[in-house]
């Protein structure tokens, strides 16, 4: 009978963002496949990779969200187990800590007879509410911006190998990146709590993997915004690439806040960021693009930035160059 025992049910609330009067939560309800992120070795990593992508979703089920003041909200998962909830609630900032993080609890509303809930059906989520005193926000790409992935390698073989067969704790951050992001997070006076958002074309299946990487390598805590497998396969028609849409959503959510955009030269970040800066006049303080080992791509970006004067846009070889530029412009 143990052979046919079903896995416990779990809710994975993704770190999200909101405002003083707007709650925006995201996440996914799945069977717990017991993915052990601490295990090493090729076969353990292969097994974990399989579990990340061969998910057993809990579709079309009602979920309960409880805020620190005992306000209760409800949402429902879609056919793939994902959920989103957007509610207008006043004075959310009073429930957040000094860094702007609001903790809440989630649970399955339905009973599921014969099934076991992970964590006694209590799952912790967090929502970032940027401080009104923060000077600006930071929106950063992940792949080859802060994490070595090999996105420019032939047929992206290095990207695939690194993502699927390397332990999150053994992945290498780009030198000095965490220190630079902390400087931006603390701002010019060293005491600010400027929000940092992480966006990527990676699928939500890698959420916990990337969260562990950021935490273990001491990057500032921030919402991680990814995309669904169906979006990657082109099944979800969209006017803009997912990463661009997420950035635009952040800018629209905080219309009075300016931002710094950080990406890499491996794919389309320079073009996306310039388009965003043009569409949001005076909202983008600077664009930092990390150089990649690809001569044609680097030459194209240099030509692109040479004639671009709307906002400071720089191609940097190292975090040190970015730090020097940020100091010169009074960001840190």
Protein backbone atom coordinates (compact mmCIF):
# COMPACT_ATOMS: atom_id res chain seq x y z
CA UNK A 1 0.00 0.00 0.00
CA UNK A 2 2.93 2.35 0.72
CA UNK A 3 3.88 2.09 -2.95
CA UNK A 4 0.68 3.94 -3.88
CA UNK A 5 0.83 6.46 -1.03
CA UNK A 6 0.12 9.96 -2.33
CA UNK A 7 2.46 12.86 -1.64
CA UNK A 8 1.43 15.54 0.89
CA UNK A 9 -0.20 18.72 -0.43
CA UNK A 10 1.66 22.02 -0.24
CA UNK A 11 1.33 25.68 -1.18
CA UNK A 12 4.38 27.59 -2.42
CA UNK A 13 3.71 31.34 -1.99
CA UNK A 14 6.09 33.29 -4.24
CA UNK A 15 7.65 36.43 -2.76
CA UNK A 16 5.63 39.24 -4.31
CA UNK A 17 5.09 42.99 -3.92
CA UNK A 18 2.34 45.45 -3.05
CA UNK A 19 1.65 48.89 -1.65
CA UNK A 20 0.22 50.40 1.53
CA UNK A 21 -3.27 49.65 0.24
CA UNK A 22 -2.84 46.88 -2.33
CA UNK A 23 -2.16 43.21 -1.62
CA UNK A 24 -0.78 41.20 -4.54
CA UNK A 25 0.03 37.55 -3.92
CA UNK A 26 1.19 34.78 -6.22
CA UNK A 27 2.14 31.16 -5.86
CA UNK A 28 1.32 27.57 -6.70
CA UNK A 29 -0.37 24.58 -5.05
CA UNK A 30 1.37 21.25 -5.68
CA UNK A 31 1.95 17.82 -4.29
CA UNK A 32 5.15 17.87 -2.25
CA UNK A 33 7.68 15.81 -4.21
CA UNK A 34 10.20 16.06 -1.34
CA UNK A 35 12.85 17.93 -3.32
CA UNK A 36 15.92 18.09 -1.09
CA UNK A 37 17.95 21.14 -2.17
CA UNK A 38 20.81 20.10 0.12
CA UNK A 39 21.56 16.86 -1.76
CA UNK A 40 24.55 16.77 -4.08
CA UNK A 41 25.82 14.32 -6.67
CA UNK A 42 24.80 13.92 -10.32
CA UNK A 43 21.98 11.44 -9.79
CA UNK A 44 20.49 13.39 -6.88
CA UNK A 45 20.53 16.55 -9.00
CA UNK A 46 19.00 14.67 -11.93
CA UNK A 47 16.26 13.36 -9.66
CA UNK A 48 15.55 16.83 -8.27
CA UNK A 49 15.42 18.28 -11.79
CA UNK A 50 12.88 15.67 -12.81
CA UNK A 51 10.75 16.44 -9.76
CA UNK A 52 10.83 20.20 -10.47
CA UNK A 53 9.35 19.77 -13.93
CA UNK A 54 7.20 16.66 -13.47
CA UNK A 55 4.82 18.42 -11.08
CA UNK A 56 1.48 17.21 -9.74
CA UNK A 57 -0.59 20.37 -9.52
CA UNK A 58 -3.63 20.97 -7.31
CA UNK A 59 -5.97 22.65 -9.80
CA UNK A 60 -9.14 24.68 -9.24
CA UNK A 61 -9.01 24.60 -5.46
CA UNK A 62 -9.87 27.33 -2.96
CA UNK A 63 -7.09 28.78 -0.80
CA UNK A 64 -7.25 30.97 2.31
CA UNK A 65 -4.88 33.86 3.11
CA UNK A 66 -4.68 35.21 6.65
CA UNK A 67 -2.95 38.54 7.33
CA UNK A 68 -1.28 39.50 10.64
CA UNK A 69 -4.37 41.48 11.70
CA UNK A 70 -6.52 38.36 11.02
CA UNK A 71 -7.98 39.76 7.80
CA UNK A 72 -8.94 36.74 5.66
CA UNK A 73 -8.77 36.65 1.86
CA UNK A 74 -9.57 33.89 -0.61
CA UNK A 75 -8.28 32.89 -4.02
CA UNK A 76 -8.44 29.86 -6.30
CA UNK A 77 -5.82 27.98 -8.27
CA UNK A 78 -6.02 27.63 -12.04
CA UNK A 79 -5.68 24.44 -14.09
CA UNK A 80 -1.89 24.39 -13.53
CA UNK A 81 -2.10 25.02 -9.79
CA UNK A 82 -1.06 28.69 -10.00
CA UNK A 83 -2.88 31.44 -8.17
CA UNK A 84 -2.91 35.22 -8.12
CA UNK A 85 -4.73 37.47 -5.73
CA UNK A 86 -5.05 41.25 -5.90
CA UNK A 87 -7.05 43.02 -3.19
CA UNK A 88 -7.29 46.62 -2.05
CA UNK A 89 -6.69 46.71 1.72
CA UNK A 90 -5.72 49.81 3.66
CA UNK A 91 -2.69 50.31 5.94
CA UNK A 92 -0.83 47.16 4.92
CA UNK A 93 2.45 48.94 5.64
CA UNK A 94 1.64 48.95 9.36
CA UNK A 95 1.88 45.14 9.31
CA UNK A 96 5.29 45.10 7.59
CA UNK A 97 8.74 45.05 9.19
CA UNK A 98 11.36 47.81 8.83
CA UNK A 99 12.52 46.37 5.49
CA UNK A 100 8.95 46.47 4.17
CA UNK A 101 8.18 42.73 4.32
CA UNK A 102 4.68 41.69 5.32
CA UNK A 103 4.32 38.06 6.43
CA UNK A 104 1.06 36.17 5.94
CA UNK A 105 -0.21 32.62 6.20
CA UNK A 106 -1.90 30.44 3.58
CA UNK A 107 -3.94 27.24 3.80
CA UNK A 108 -6.07 24.93 1.69
CA UNK A 109 -9.72 25.75 2.31
CA UNK A 110 -10.90 22.36 1.06
CA UNK A 111 -10.43 19.25 3.22
CA UNK A 112 -9.18 16.64 0.67
CA UNK A 113 -10.28 13.49 2.56
CA UNK A 114 -7.54 10.89 2.86
CA UNK A 115 -4.78 13.35 1.94
CA UNK A 116 -2.06 14.76 4.16
CA UNK A 117 -1.17 18.46 4.25
CA UNK A 118 2.45 19.51 4.53
CA UNK A 119 3.18 21.77 7.55
CA UNK A 120 -0.25 21.03 9.06
CA UNK A 121 -1.80 23.09 6.25
CA UNK A 122 0.03 26.27 7.26
CA UNK A 123 2.26 27.91 4.64
CA UNK A 124 4.15 31.17 5.12
CA UNK A 125 4.22 33.86 2.44
CA UNK A 126 5.81 37.30 2.19
CA UNK A 127 4.92 40.50 0.40
CA UNK A 128 7.23 43.49 -0.09
CA UNK A 129 5.80 46.95 0.52
CA UNK A 130 8.55 49.44 -0.40
CA UNK A 131 9.10 52.20 2.12
CA UNK A 132 7.88 55.66 1.16
CA UNK A 133 11.31 56.88 2.24
CA UNK A 134 13.19 54.75 -0.29
CA UNK A 135 14.92 56.80 -2.98
CA UNK A 136 14.51 54.39 -5.90
CA UNK A 137 13.95 50.78 -6.83
CA UNK A 138 16.22 48.26 -8.55
CA UNK A 139 15.02 45.77 -11.17
CA UNK A 140 17.56 43.13 -12.10
CA UNK A 141 17.78 40.24 -14.48
CA UNK A 142 19.22 36.99 -13.03
CA UNK A 143 20.81 34.92 -15.81
CA UNK A 144 24.37 36.12 -16.55
CA UNK A 145 23.61 39.34 -14.67
CA UNK A 146 24.17 37.98 -11.18
CA UNK A 147 24.40 34.23 -11.90
CA UNK A 148 26.79 32.54 -14.32
CA UNK A 149 24.58 30.56 -16.72
CA UNK A 150 26.28 30.49 -20.13
CA UNK A 151 23.36 31.95 -22.06
CA UNK A 152 25.66 32.86 -24.98
CA UNK A 153 27.18 29.36 -25.29
CA UNK A 154 26.65 27.35 -28.49
CA UNK A 155 23.10 25.98 -28.57
CA UNK A 156 22.92 27.20 -24.93
CA UNK A 157 24.37 23.84 -23.81
CA UNK A 158 26.16 25.44 -20.85
CA UNK A 159 22.95 27.18 -19.74
CA UNK A 160 21.08 23.87 -19.82
CA UNK A 161 23.81 21.97 -17.97
CA UNK A 162 24.26 24.64 -15.28
CA UNK A 163 20.54 24.97 -14.65
CA UNK A 164 19.68 21.28 -14.59
CA UNK A 165 22.78 19.59 -13.23
CA UNK A 166 24.46 22.01 -10.81
CA UNK A 167 23.52 22.48 -7.17
CA UNK A 168 22.17 25.97 -6.35
CA UNK A 169 24.74 26.44 -3.60
CA UNK A 170 27.62 25.59 -5.96
CA UNK A 171 26.57 28.08 -8.64
CA UNK A 172 28.87 31.08 -8.96
CA UNK A 173 27.55 34.61 -8.61
CA UNK A 174 29.23 37.24 -10.74
CA UNK A 175 32.07 38.80 -8.77
CA UNK A 176 31.03 41.75 -6.62
CA UNK A 177 27.38 41.59 -7.67
CA UNK A 178 25.94 40.96 -4.19
CA UNK A 179 28.00 43.82 -2.71
CA UNK A 180 26.85 46.20 -5.47
CA UNK A 181 23.20 45.29 -4.93
CA UNK A 182 23.50 45.84 -1.18
CA UNK A 183 24.99 49.28 -1.82
CA UNK A 184 22.01 50.12 -4.03
CA UNK A 185 19.61 48.65 -1.47
CA UNK A 186 21.06 50.83 1.30
CA UNK A 187 21.23 53.92 -0.91
CA UNK A 188 23.25 57.09 -0.58
CA UNK A 189 22.94 57.47 3.20
CA UNK A 190 23.55 53.76 3.80
CA UNK A 191 20.29 53.35 5.76
CA UNK A 192 17.63 53.21 3.06
CA UNK A 193 15.65 50.12 2.14
CA UNK A 194 15.47 50.56 -1.62
CA UNK A 195 13.47 47.62 -3.02
CA UNK A 196 15.18 45.09 -5.29
CA UNK A 197 13.16 43.03 -7.79
CA UNK A 198 14.55 40.01 -9.65
CA UNK A 199 13.11 39.11 -13.06
CA UNK A 200 14.02 36.20 -15.31
CA UNK A 201 12.86 34.16 -18.29
CA UNK A 202 13.32 31.03 -16.16
CA UNK A 203 10.18 29.02 -15.31
CA UNK A 204 8.46 29.13 -11.93
CA UNK A 205 9.61 25.52 -11.47
CA UNK A 206 13.04 26.98 -10.57
CA UNK A 207 11.67 29.43 -7.99
CA UNK A 208 12.99 27.67 -4.88
CA UNK A 209 16.30 26.91 -6.64
CA UNK A 210 16.86 30.60 -7.46
CA UNK A 211 15.61 31.73 -4.05
CA UNK A 212 18.24 29.47 -2.41
CA UNK A 213 20.96 30.81 -4.72
CA UNK A 214 20.15 34.43 -3.86
CA UNK A 215 19.98 33.72 -0.13
CA UNK A 216 23.17 31.65 0.06
CA UNK A 217 25.12 34.27 -1.89
CA UNK A 218 23.87 37.13 0.29
CA UNK A 219 21.90 39.11 -2.30
CA UNK A 220 19.31 41.56 -0.96
CA UNK A 221 15.96 39.89 -0.44
CA UNK A 222 13.43 40.76 -3.12
CA UNK A 223 10.47 39.46 -5.14
CA UNK A 224 11.47 36.86 -7.75
CA UNK A 225 9.39 37.10 -10.92
CA UNK A 226 9.54 34.21 -13.39
CA UNK A 227 7.21 32.72 -16.04
CA UNK A 228 5.16 29.61 -16.69
CA UNK A 229 6.22 26.67 -18.83
CA UNK A 230 3.29 27.35 -21.16
CA UNK A 231 4.56 30.91 -21.69
CA UNK A 232 8.02 29.54 -22.53
CA UNK A 233 6.49 27.22 -25.12
CA UNK A 234 4.57 30.08 -26.70
CA UNK A 235 1.16 28.77 -25.68
CA UNK A 236 0.33 32.02 -23.94
CA UNK A 237 0.09 34.82 -26.47
CA UNK A 238 1.49 38.09 -25.17
CA UNK A 239 2.13 41.50 -26.70
CA UNK A 240 5.46 41.86 -24.83
CA UNK A 241 8.05 39.36 -23.55
CA UNK A 242 7.24 38.20 -20.02
CA UNK A 243 10.26 39.93 -18.47
CA UNK A 244 9.29 43.23 -20.06
CA UNK A 245 5.69 42.84 -18.91
CA UNK A 246 6.81 42.22 -15.32
CA UNK A 247 9.00 45.34 -15.34
CA UNK A 248 6.16 47.45 -16.74
CA UNK A 249 3.82 46.09 -14.05
CA UNK A 250 6.29 47.16 -11.35
CA UNK A 251 6.64 50.65 -12.84
CA UNK A 252 2.87 51.01 -13.03
CA UNK A 253 2.43 49.76 -9.45
CA UNK A 254 4.81 52.46 -8.14
CA UNK A 255 4.17 55.48 -10.39
CA UNK A 256 6.02 57.90 -8.11
CA UNK A 257 9.20 55.85 -7.84
CA UNK A 258 12.24 55.87 -10.11
CA UNK A 259 14.22 52.75 -10.97
CA UNK A 260 17.62 51.41 -11.94
CA UNK A 261 17.59 48.56 -14.48
CA UNK A 262 20.34 45.94 -14.49
CA UNK A 263 20.79 43.24 -17.13
CA UNK A 264 23.31 41.53 -19.38
CA UNK A 265 24.33 41.69 -23.01
CA UNK A 266 23.61 38.06 -23.79
CA UNK A 267 20.04 38.40 -24.99
CA UNK A 268 17.62 41.33 -25.37
CA UNK A 269 18.02 43.31 -22.12
CA UNK A 270 19.58 46.42 -23.73
CA UNK A 271 16.73 46.75 -26.25
CA UNK A 272 14.01 46.02 -23.68
CA UNK A 273 15.45 48.48 -21.16
CA UNK A 274 15.84 51.28 -23.71
CA UNK A 275 12.24 50.79 -24.86
CA UNK A 276 11.05 50.94 -21.25
CA UNK A 277 13.07 54.11 -20.58
CA UNK A 278 11.55 55.74 -23.65
CA UNK A 279 8.01 54.76 -22.62
CA UNK A 280 8.47 55.91 -19.02
CA UNK A 281 10.14 59.35 -19.31
CA UNK A 282 12.22 60.43 -16.32
CA UNK A 283 11.49 57.17 -14.48
CA UNK A 284 14.72 55.28 -15.24
CA UNK A 285 17.77 56.62 -13.41
CA UNK A 286 20.31 54.35 -15.11
CA UNK A 287 20.73 51.20 -17.16
CA UNK A 288 23.60 48.83 -16.34
CA UNK A 289 24.38 46.05 -18.79
CA UNK A 290 26.99 43.44 -17.95
CA UNK A 291 29.30 42.64 -20.83
CA UNK A 292 29.42 39.08 -22.16
CA UNK A 293 32.11 37.11 -23.98
CA UNK A 294 30.60 37.59 -27.41
CA UNK A 295 32.32 40.12 -29.66
CA UNK A 296 29.40 40.80 -32.02
CA UNK A 297 26.92 41.30 -29.17
CA UNK A 298 29.28 43.67 -27.36
CA UNK A 299 29.89 45.74 -30.49
CA UNK A 300 26.14 45.98 -31.12
CA UNK A 301 25.45 47.18 -27.56
CA UNK A 302 28.25 49.75 -27.69
CA UNK A 303 26.75 51.13 -30.89
CA UNK A 304 23.29 51.15 -29.33
CA UNK A 305 24.42 53.04 -26.22
CA UNK A 306 26.70 55.44 -28.11
CA UNK A 307 23.73 57.15 -29.72
CA UNK A 308 21.37 56.84 -26.73
CA UNK A 309 21.13 59.95 -24.55
CA UNK A 310 17.73 59.69 -22.80
CA UNK A 311 19.11 58.09 -19.63
CA UNK A 312 22.59 56.95 -18.52
CA UNK A 313 23.19 53.55 -20.10
CA UNK A 314 26.53 51.84 -19.55
CA UNK A 315 28.10 48.56 -20.57
CA UNK A 316 30.23 47.37 -17.65
CA UNK A 317 32.93 44.73 -17.50
CA UNK A 318 32.79 44.40 -13.71
CA UNK A 319 30.78 45.29 -10.62
CA UNK A 320 33.54 47.74 -9.70
CA UNK A 321 32.76 49.82 -12.81
CA UNK A 322 29.06 49.84 -11.91
CA UNK A 323 29.86 50.90 -8.32
CA UNK A 324 32.01 53.79 -9.54
CA UNK A 325 29.26 54.99 -11.89
CA UNK A 326 26.60 54.68 -9.17
CA UNK A 327 28.74 56.73 -6.75
CA UNK A 328 29.34 59.39 -9.39
CA UNK A 329 25.60 59.78 -9.93
CA UNK A 330 24.75 59.78 -6.23
CA UNK A 331 22.86 56.49 -6.07
CA UNK A 332 25.13 55.07 -3.36
